[in-house]
Amino acid sequence: MKLLSVAIPCYNSSSYMNHAIETLLTGGEDMEIILVDDGSKDETLQVAKEYENRYPGIIRTIHQENGGHGEAVNTGLRNASGLYFKVVDSDDWVNEEALQKILEVLRTMVENAQSLDMLIANYVYEKVSLGKQKVIEYKGALPENCIFTWSDTGHFKNSQNIIMHSVIYRTKLLKECGLVLPSHTFYVDNIFVYYPLTYVKTMYYLNVDFYRYFIGREGQSVNEQIMMQRIDQQLKVNKIIIDCHDLTKIKCKKLRHYMVKYLVMMLTVSTVFLVKDGSEESLKKRDELWDYLKKKNKRLYHEVNKYFLGKSMQMSSRTGRKIIIIGYHISRKIYGFS
């Protein structure tokens, strides 16, 4: 059985997907690399097949009708045979030395029959066109180089959200918890990393700069203009996040606090884009989003409002909306996506 399965969702990726594949191939026979061609219209499938022919024991190619990023991840997970599971987007890549260290940790866990649900490593914003990098690490928030539980975690800074790029889950956990991402929907990476958290009992933080998150490709889903155009999909993901767990019933205070804080971040991002648009329709959608949370879970709504961001995002005056936008431009630097 393979140690680590990595799914690479590919859509019209033929011109750049090789970088992700080549860095993962350095993991050798411990790796299962699943290339999911999501109905590409370029030579993505041909490139994937060529890699499969060259590395038949490591690379598998799956072709499907276009279902979006989430459905490609679903396909990768359904077909994963490795003990652990990771998603690497086709325009990103991993650091080879960090990969070796991660495989060593996972191998040790298996050899010692230790139960590990989630491994966390650092990720790096790679702004290649600007020649800049920003490392997101979890020092202070997570114990290093040991198995720990949610009760052992510390304070998460605003920049230390655990995201899809920083996690490797135990494959069986993802399958048993019933994780299925919606098709034809962007921003489902938030669901991927958020939904399984209540099922995670044991974690391990390896302080290495593993995942390289490429920023700056034209048409990229995290481009601000693209995000504003796809605001309805963001709102859909927000509602799925609200619905997937009753956070007020989580017994572990630190896990509950982290998940509420993550929800606040999600609501804040969507609210800011709606306020920046400023149209009557967008402001109505902002109000509908917060009303949805209030009607779904009144206790959670009040808990979210204890956060400054949670309360301030609902300011309705013109001055209040200006404050929201100014605060957003400041927080962009804190979160590291600018």
Protein backbone atom coordinates (compact mmCIF):
# COMPACT_ATOMS: atom_id res chain seq x y z
CA MET A 1 0.00 0.00 0.00
CA LYS A 2 1.23 3.48 -0.84
CA LEU A 3 2.08 5.86 1.97
CA LEU A 4 0.74 9.08 0.42
CA SER A 5 -1.83 9.65 -2.32
CA VAL A 6 -1.76 13.07 -3.95
CA ALA A 7 -4.61 14.20 -6.19
CA ILE A 8 -3.82 16.87 -8.77
CA PRO A 9 -7.01 18.38 -10.24
CA CYS A 10 -6.17 19.49 -13.79
CA TYR A 11 -8.16 21.72 -16.11
CA ASN A 12 -6.41 23.13 -19.18
CA SER A 13 -3.15 22.72 -17.25
CA SER A 14 -0.90 21.32 -19.97
CA SER A 15 1.48 24.30 -20.02
CA TYR A 16 2.38 24.21 -16.32
CA MET A 17 1.24 20.96 -14.62
CA ASN A 18 4.61 19.29 -15.11
CA HIS A 19 6.17 21.38 -12.32
CA ALA A 20 3.75 20.01 -9.71
CA ILE A 21 4.20 16.46 -10.99
CA GLU A 22 8.00 16.58 -11.12
CA THR A 23 8.33 17.84 -7.54
CA LEU A 24 6.01 15.11 -6.27
CA LEU A 25 7.83 12.40 -8.19
CA THR A 26 10.84 12.94 -5.90
CA GLY A 27 8.82 11.06 -3.26
CA GLY A 28 9.47 7.85 -5.18
CA GLU A 29 7.59 4.60 -4.64
CA ASP A 30 5.94 5.84 -1.45
CA MET A 31 3.78 8.09 -3.65
CA GLU A 32 0.57 7.60 -5.56
CA ILE A 33 -0.02 10.60 -7.84
CA ILE A 34 -3.55 10.79 -9.24
CA LEU A 35 -3.91 13.16 -12.19
CA VAL A 36 -7.58 14.06 -12.59
CA ASP A 37 -8.28 15.60 -15.99
CA ASP A 38 -11.49 17.55 -15.42
CA GLY A 39 -12.70 17.72 -19.02
CA SER A 40 -9.82 19.85 -20.28
CA LYS A 41 -9.96 21.34 -23.78
CA ASP A 42 -6.19 21.50 -24.27
CA GLU A 43 -3.53 18.75 -24.14
CA THR A 44 -3.83 18.11 -20.39
CA LEU A 45 -5.02 14.53 -20.84
CA GLN A 46 -2.22 13.76 -23.28
CA VAL A 47 0.41 15.16 -20.87
CA ALA A 48 -1.11 13.15 -18.01
CA LYS A 49 -1.12 9.93 -20.06
CA GLU A 50 2.53 10.42 -21.00
CA TYR A 51 3.45 10.71 -17.32
CA GLU A 52 1.36 7.63 -16.49
CA ASN A 53 3.21 5.63 -19.17
CA ARG A 54 6.58 6.76 -17.83
CA TYR A 55 5.73 6.09 -14.17
CA PRO A 56 3.12 3.28 -14.20
CA GLY A 57 3.63 2.30 -10.57
CA ILE A 58 3.29 5.83 -9.28
CA ILE A 59 1.08 7.91 -11.56
CA ARG A 60 -2.55 7.22 -12.44
CA THR A 61 -4.60 9.28 -14.88
CA ILE A 62 -8.36 9.67 -14.60
CA HIS A 63 -10.42 11.52 -17.19
CA GLN A 64 -13.88 12.85 -16.34
CA GLU A 65 -16.44 15.25 -17.71
CA ASN A 66 -15.98 18.75 -16.35
CA GLY A 67 -17.24 18.90 -12.77
CA GLY A 68 -15.08 21.63 -11.32
CA HIS A 69 -12.33 21.59 -8.73
CA GLY A 70 -14.47 19.97 -6.05
CA GLU A 71 -15.53 17.05 -8.21
CA ALA A 72 -11.92 16.51 -9.27
CA VAL A 73 -10.93 16.30 -5.59
CA ASN A 74 -13.83 13.89 -4.98
CA THR A 75 -12.58 11.68 -7.80
CA GLY A 76 -9.05 11.75 -6.44
CA LEU A 77 -10.24 10.77 -2.96
CA ARG A 78 -12.52 7.99 -4.24
CA ASN A 79 -9.59 6.44 -6.11
CA ALA A 80 -6.91 7.04 -3.47
CA SER A 81 -5.30 3.88 -2.10
CA GLY A 82 -2.60 5.53 0.02
CA LEU A 83 -2.78 5.73 3.80
CA TYR A 84 -2.71 9.53 3.66
CA PHE A 85 -4.23 12.00 1.21
CA LYS A 86 -3.12 15.37 -0.11
CA VAL A 87 -4.40 17.75 -2.80
CA VAL A 88 -1.92 19.74 -4.88
CA ASP A 89 -3.32 22.15 -7.44
CA SER A 90 -1.85 21.88 -10.91
CA ASP A 91 -0.31 25.38 -10.89
CA ASP A 92 1.35 24.85 -7.49
CA TRP A 93 4.22 22.61 -6.41
CA VAL A 94 5.97 21.23 -3.32
CA ASN A 95 9.44 21.55 -1.90
CA GLU A 96 11.30 18.28 -2.48
CA GLU A 97 13.32 18.30 0.76
CA ALA A 98 10.21 19.03 2.81
CA LEU A 99 8.40 16.20 1.03
CA GLN A 100 11.10 13.74 2.13
CA LYS A 101 10.76 14.88 5.75
CA ILE A 102 6.98 14.52 5.60
CA LEU A 103 7.23 11.02 4.16
CA GLU A 104 9.71 10.12 6.91
CA VAL A 105 7.23 11.25 9.59
CA LEU A 106 4.34 9.37 7.98
CA ARG A 107 6.50 6.27 7.62
CA THR A 108 7.45 6.44 11.30
CA MET A 109 3.79 6.73 12.27
CA VAL A 110 2.95 3.59 10.32
CA GLU A 111 5.95 1.59 11.55
CA ASN A 112 5.15 2.45 15.18
CA ALA A 113 1.40 1.85 14.70
CA GLN A 114 0.65 5.39 15.88
CA SER A 115 -2.69 6.89 14.94
CA LEU A 116 -2.33 10.19 13.10
CA ASP A 117 -5.35 11.92 11.59
CA MET A 118 -3.81 15.11 10.22
CA LEU A 119 -0.31 16.33 9.46
CA ILE A 120 0.22 20.08 9.12
CA ALA A 121 3.15 21.80 7.41
CA ASN A 122 3.90 25.36 6.33
CA TYR A 123 2.91 26.79 2.97
CA VAL A 124 4.46 29.60 0.97
CA TYR A 125 2.78 32.29 -1.12
CA GLU A 126 4.88 32.34 -4.29
CA LYS A 127 4.47 35.66 -6.10
CA VAL A 128 6.81 34.77 -8.92
CA SER A 129 6.16 37.85 -11.07
CA LEU A 130 7.12 40.10 -8.14
CA GLY A 131 9.96 37.90 -6.95
CA LYS A 132 8.38 37.73 -3.48
CA GLN A 133 7.54 34.97 -1.04
CA LYS A 134 5.57 34.88 2.20
CA VAL A 135 5.82 31.86 4.48
CA ILE A 136 2.82 30.93 6.60
CA GLU A 137 3.96 28.88 9.58
CA TYR A 138 2.26 27.65 12.74
CA LYS A 139 4.93 28.24 15.38
CA GLY A 140 3.33 29.12 18.69
CA ALA A 141 -0.08 27.83 17.65
CA LEU A 142 0.91 24.17 17.34
CA PRO A 143 3.40 21.95 19.20
CA GLU A 144 6.24 20.80 16.93
CA ASN A 145 7.49 17.31 16.07
CA CYS A 146 5.07 15.34 18.23
CA ILE A 147 1.56 13.95 18.19
CA PHE A 148 -0.91 16.28 19.89
CA THR A 149 -4.64 16.93 20.26
CA TRP A 150 -6.81 20.04 19.97
CA SER A 151 -6.45 20.59 23.71
CA ASP A 152 -2.70 21.04 23.21
CA THR A 153 -3.02 23.84 20.65
CA GLY A 154 -2.20 27.46 21.41
CA HIS A 155 -3.42 30.78 20.04
CA PHE A 156 -3.86 30.97 16.27
CA LYS A 157 -2.89 34.32 14.78
CA ASN A 158 -5.07 35.73 12.00
CA SER A 159 -2.51 34.55 9.45
CA GLN A 160 -2.40 31.00 10.84
CA ASN A 161 -5.61 29.52 9.50
CA ILE A 162 -5.18 25.87 8.58
CA ILE A 163 -5.97 25.65 4.87
CA MET A 164 -6.02 22.91 2.26
CA HIS A 165 -2.44 23.66 1.25
CA SER A 166 -1.12 23.03 4.75
CA VAL A 167 -2.85 19.72 5.55
CA ILE A 168 -2.45 16.03 4.85
CA TYR A 169 -5.36 13.94 6.11
CA ARG A 170 -5.58 10.25 6.86
CA THR A 171 -7.40 8.87 3.81
CA LYS A 172 -9.69 6.60 5.79
CA LEU A 173 -10.83 9.52 7.97
CA LEU A 174 -11.89 11.55 4.92
CA LYS A 175 -13.81 8.63 3.47
CA GLU A 176 -15.47 7.61 6.73
CA CYS A 177 -16.57 11.15 7.63
CA GLY A 178 -18.38 11.33 4.30
CA LEU A 179 -16.55 14.30 2.81
CA VAL A 180 -18.01 15.16 -0.61
CA LEU A 181 -17.38 18.54 -2.22
CA PRO A 182 -20.00 20.25 -4.41
CA SER A 183 -19.41 20.17 -8.16
CA HIS A 184 -19.10 23.22 -10.40
CA THR A 185 -18.23 25.36 -7.39
CA PHE A 186 -15.11 27.37 -6.63
CA TYR A 187 -13.61 27.89 -3.14
CA VAL A 188 -14.48 24.36 -1.99
CA ASP A 189 -11.00 24.05 -0.51
CA ASN A 190 -12.53 25.71 2.58
CA ILE A 191 -14.99 22.83 2.93
CA PHE A 192 -12.23 20.28 2.34
CA VAL A 193 -10.17 21.52 5.26
CA TYR A 194 -13.03 22.59 7.57
CA TYR A 195 -15.55 19.76 7.47
CA PRO A 196 -13.22 16.95 8.70
CA LEU A 197 -11.85 18.94 11.67
CA THR A 198 -14.37 17.62 14.20
CA TYR A 199 -13.30 14.07 13.30
CA VAL A 200 -9.60 14.82 13.79
CA LYS A 201 -8.31 13.55 17.14
CA THR A 202 -4.54 13.45 16.61
CA MET A 203 -2.27 15.89 14.77
CA TYR A 204 1.39 16.45 14.00
CA TYR A 205 3.02 19.74 12.99
CA LEU A 206 6.20 19.62 10.95
CA ASN A 207 7.78 23.07 10.68
CA VAL A 208 8.95 22.84 7.06
CA ASP A 209 8.03 25.06 4.11
CA PHE A 210 6.30 22.38 2.08
CA TYR A 211 3.54 23.64 -0.21
CA ARG A 212 4.26 26.38 -2.74
CA TYR A 213 1.10 28.34 -3.51
CA PHE A 214 1.47 30.17 -6.82
CA ILE A 215 -0.12 33.64 -6.86
CA GLY A 216 -0.54 35.75 -9.97
CA ARG A 217 -1.78 33.53 -12.79
CA GLU A 218 -4.35 35.29 -14.95
CA GLY A 219 -7.86 34.01 -14.24
CA GLN A 220 -6.81 32.49 -10.90
CA SER A 221 -9.76 31.94 -8.56
CA VAL A 222 -8.13 33.98 -5.75
CA ASN A 223 -7.69 37.02 -8.00
CA GLU A 224 -9.77 39.76 -6.37
CA GLN A 225 -11.73 40.67 -9.50
CA ILE A 226 -12.48 36.99 -10.18
CA MET A 227 -13.59 36.52 -6.56
CA MET A 228 -16.00 39.43 -6.87
CA GLN A 229 -17.42 37.96 -10.08
CA ARG A 230 -17.91 34.61 -8.34
CA ILE A 231 -19.40 36.00 -5.14
CA ASP A 232 -22.47 33.76 -5.39
CA GLN A 233 -20.22 30.71 -5.22
CA GLN A 234 -18.48 32.15 -2.17
CA LEU A 235 -21.87 32.63 -0.54
CA LYS A 236 -22.80 29.03 -1.36
CA VAL A 237 -19.62 27.78 0.33
CA ASN A 238 -20.28 30.05 3.33
CA LYS A 239 -23.71 28.47 3.82
CA ILE A 240 -22.31 24.95 3.49
CA ILE A 241 -19.73 25.81 6.16
CA ILE A 242 -22.49 27.14 8.43
CA ASP A 243 -24.60 24.02 7.86
CA CYS A 244 -21.96 21.31 8.20
CA HIS A 245 -21.54 21.46 12.01
CA ASP A 246 -23.33 22.90 15.00
CA LEU A 247 -20.28 24.58 16.49
CA THR A 248 -22.11 25.38 19.73
CA LYS A 249 -22.18 21.65 20.53
CA ILE A 250 -18.44 21.05 20.16
CA LYS A 251 -17.13 20.10 23.61
CA CYS A 252 -13.46 20.89 23.06
CA LYS A 253 -13.24 24.64 23.69
CA LYS A 254 -10.08 25.14 21.63
CA LEU A 255 -11.47 23.34 18.59
CA ARG A 256 -14.73 25.25 18.89
CA HIS A 257 -12.90 28.56 19.20
CA TYR A 258 -10.76 27.81 16.16
CA MET A 259 -13.72 26.77 13.99
CA VAL A 260 -15.79 29.82 14.98
CA LYS A 261 -12.84 32.06 14.18
CA TYR A 262 -12.45 30.38 10.79
CA LEU A 263 -16.15 30.94 10.09
CA VAL A 264 -15.75 34.62 11.00
CA MET A 265 -12.91 34.87 8.49
CA MET A 266 -15.05 33.26 5.78
CA LEU A 267 -17.99 35.56 6.44
CA THR A 268 -15.69 38.57 6.53
CA VAL A 269 -14.15 37.91 3.11
CA SER A 270 -17.55 37.48 1.45
CA THR A 271 -18.99 40.52 3.21
CA VAL A 272 -16.09 42.74 2.17
CA PHE A 273 -16.50 41.90 -1.51
CA LEU A 274 -20.22 42.60 -1.35
CA VAL A 275 -19.63 45.92 0.40
CA LYS A 276 -16.90 46.86 -2.08
CA ASP A 277 -19.32 46.28 -4.93
CA GLY A 278 -21.74 48.55 -3.11
CA SER A 279 -24.77 47.87 -5.31
CA GLU A 280 -28.20 47.50 -3.73
CA GLU A 281 -28.23 43.86 -4.81
CA SER A 282 -24.85 43.16 -3.19
CA LEU A 283 -25.76 44.85 0.07
CA LYS A 284 -28.95 42.81 0.13
CA LYS A 285 -26.89 39.63 -0.32
CA ARG A 286 -24.68 40.71 2.58
CA ASP A 287 -27.72 41.08 4.83
CA GLU A 288 -29.15 37.76 3.62
CA LEU A 289 -25.91 35.97 4.48
CA TRP A 290 -25.89 37.19 8.06
CA ASP A 291 -29.63 36.54 8.38
CA TYR A 292 -28.99 32.99 7.19
CA LEU A 293 -26.54 32.42 10.05
CA LYS A 294 -28.91 34.01 12.56
CA LYS A 295 -31.87 31.88 11.50
CA LYS A 296 -29.79 28.69 11.22
CA ASN A 297 -28.12 28.95 14.62
CA LYS A 298 -28.93 31.91 16.84
CA ARG A 299 -26.42 30.88 19.52
CA LEU A 300 -23.65 30.67 16.96
CA TYR A 301 -24.68 34.03 15.50
CA HIS A 302 -24.26 35.66 18.90
CA GLU A 303 -20.92 33.91 19.40
CA VAL A 304 -19.69 35.21 16.02
CA ASN A 305 -20.80 38.71 17.02
CA LYS A 306 -18.44 38.61 20.00
CA TYR A 307 -15.64 39.05 17.48
CA PHE A 308 -14.98 42.60 16.32
CA LEU A 309 -14.96 41.47 12.68
CA GLY A 310 -18.21 39.59 13.12
CA LYS A 311 -19.99 42.63 14.51
CA SER A 312 -18.38 45.26 12.29
CA MET A 313 -19.16 43.41 9.04
CA GLN A 314 -22.85 44.13 9.61
CA MET A 315 -22.52 47.93 9.80
CA SER A 316 -25.07 49.38 7.39
CA SER A 317 -24.23 53.10 7.30
CA ARG A 318 -22.09 54.60 4.54
CA THR A 319 -19.38 55.39 7.10
CA GLY A 320 -19.57 51.84 8.40
CA ARG A 321 -19.10 50.43 4.91
CA LYS A 322 -16.05 52.65 4.39
CA ILE A 323 -14.58 51.33 7.63
CA ILE A 324 -15.13 47.76 6.41
CA ILE A 325 -13.22 48.44 3.17
CA ILE A 326 -10.34 50.23 4.94
CA GLY A 327 -10.09 47.37 7.41
CA TYR A 328 -9.99 44.90 4.55
CA HIS A 329 -7.03 46.60 2.86
CA ILE A 330 -5.15 46.52 6.16
CA SER A 331 -5.98 42.87 6.82
CA ARG A 332 -4.83 41.82 3.32
CA LYS A 333 -1.28 42.41 4.49
CA ILE A 334 -1.90 40.54 7.75
CA TYR A 335 -3.37 37.49 6.00
CA GLY A 336 -0.56 37.55 3.46
CA PHE A 337 -2.57 37.28 0.24
CA SER A 338 -1.39 40.63 -1.11
